[in-house]
Each structure stands twice: as structure tokens, then as C-alpha cells.
Protein backbone atom coordinates (compact mmCIF):
# COMPACT_ATOMS: atom_id res chain seq x y z
CA MET A 1 78.35 65.33 83.36
CA ARG A 2 77.81 66.09 87.45
CA LEU A 3 74.79 64.47 88.67
CA ASP A 4 73.70 67.63 90.52
CA LYS A 5 74.14 69.46 87.73
CA PHE A 6 71.95 66.89 85.63
CA MET A 7 69.43 66.98 87.99
CA LYS A 8 68.80 70.89 87.57
CA VAL A 9 68.88 70.58 83.58
CA ALA A 10 66.83 68.08 84.08
CA ARG A 11 64.30 69.71 86.29
CA LEU A 12 64.58 67.00 88.84
CA SER A 13 65.60 70.10 91.12
CA LYS A 14 64.62 73.42 91.22
CA ARG A 15 68.20 74.58 91.92
CA ARG A 16 71.82 72.73 91.49
CA THR A 17 71.76 74.00 95.31
CA VAL A 18 68.77 72.20 96.28
CA ALA A 19 70.28 68.90 94.58
CA LYS A 20 73.50 69.19 96.59
CA GLU A 21 71.87 69.49 99.31
CA ALA A 22 69.45 66.86 98.73
CA LEU A 23 72.56 64.35 97.19
CA ASP A 24 74.52 65.62 100.72
CA ALA A 25 71.51 63.94 102.53
CA GLY A 26 71.64 60.59 100.89
CA ARG A 27 68.84 60.98 99.16
CA VAL A 28 69.47 60.11 96.38
CA LEU A 29 70.28 56.29 95.68
CA LYS A 30 71.68 54.01 92.67
CA GLN A 31 71.32 50.44 93.30
CA GLY A 32 70.64 51.00 97.43
CA HIS A 33 73.85 53.27 97.93
CA ALA A 34 74.02 57.00 98.29
CA LEU A 35 75.68 59.27 95.17
CA LYS A 36 77.41 62.10 95.78
CA ALA A 37 77.08 65.55 93.84
CA GLY A 38 80.11 65.12 91.84
CA TYR A 39 78.94 61.50 90.49
CA GLN A 40 79.22 61.72 86.58
CA VAL A 41 75.71 60.34 85.38
CA LYS A 42 75.77 58.06 82.40
CA ALA A 43 72.76 56.44 80.26
CA GLY A 44 70.74 53.55 81.66
CA ASP A 45 71.39 55.07 84.90
CA GLU A 46 68.82 54.04 87.30
CA LEU A 47 68.39 56.51 90.37
CA GLU A 48 65.99 56.31 93.19
CA ILE A 49 65.37 59.98 94.48
CA HIS A 50 63.82 60.72 97.75
CA TYR A 51 61.39 63.74 97.71
CA ALA A 52 59.91 65.28 100.87
CA ARG A 53 56.25 63.02 100.21
CA ARG A 54 57.20 60.56 97.17
CA ILE A 55 60.19 58.66 96.27
CA VAL A 56 60.67 58.70 92.27
CA THR A 57 62.92 55.88 90.16
CA VAL A 58 64.10 57.50 86.80
CA ARG A 59 66.32 55.75 84.25
CA VAL A 60 68.49 57.94 82.49
CA LEU A 61 68.13 58.46 79.31
CA ALA A 62 70.61 61.05 77.46
CA VAL A 63 73.16 63.06 79.20
CA PRO A 64 73.68 66.11 77.14
CA GLU A 65 77.06 67.51 76.36
CA HIS A 66 76.04 71.12 76.28
CA PRO A 67 73.53 71.57 78.49
CA GLY A 68 73.25 75.56 77.24
CA ALA A 69 72.02 74.36 74.15
CA ARG A 70 68.03 74.17 74.43
CA VAL A 71 67.34 70.27 75.69
CA ASP A 72 64.43 68.93 76.29
CA PRO A 73 64.21 67.98 80.18
CA ALA A 74 61.51 65.01 79.36
CA SER A 75 64.02 63.98 76.73
CA LEU A 76 66.74 63.37 79.14
CA TYR A 77 65.02 60.64 81.55
CA ASP A 78 61.92 58.49 81.83
CA VAL A 79 60.08 57.63 85.22
CA ILE A 80 59.78 54.61 86.10
CA SER A 81 57.62 54.07 89.49
CA GLU A 82 56.84 56.83 91.66
CA ARG A 83 54.95 56.31 94.98
CA ALA A 84 54.03 57.96 98.12
CA GLU A 85 56.53 57.89 100.89
CA GLU A 86 55.32 56.15 104.17
CA PRO A 87 55.17 57.69 106.88
CA LEU A 88 57.74 57.14 110.19
CA TYR A 89 54.97 56.83 112.73
């Protein structure tokens, strides 16, 4: 499954377009490298997501085959860490 779609299904982003914009801006990292929207998510991936005021690191637990089916978003990932974004000034 594409990363932008996974972020929407897992509710890490409100909409797929918002997820794509974050990915295009380089705010989603895996092992320090920015990911693209078309990245194929796999179970075990650790993603670092930079939101406006916080950084969340998650581990992907499962990738649903049929995202339209009733899937519990909380069962798709596990939050490893969450910290506040440091100001630039």
C-alpha cells in the first residue's frame, strides 16, 4: 500500500492530500531519509513524522489488504515516541 494512503487509513493524517503534501515536503522519514508518497509500506517499518509542533515515531504493525473493510486504525501502528518540536530560534 502506498504510504500516503496508509497514513490516511491509519489516521496519521486527516486526508490523503494532506499526507501527500507532508511527504512532498520531506516531513516523513525512515532511517533519516525522506520518503515519497508512492513508497510501499511494509510491516516493521519505523516512520518519523514531523507535525507542526511535535515529532511522532511509529512502527507499522500491519498493512491492510482491503482498506475499505472495517479496520481499527490503532491496530495498524504502534507509537514508539512522541516529542515536542524544538523551536528554531
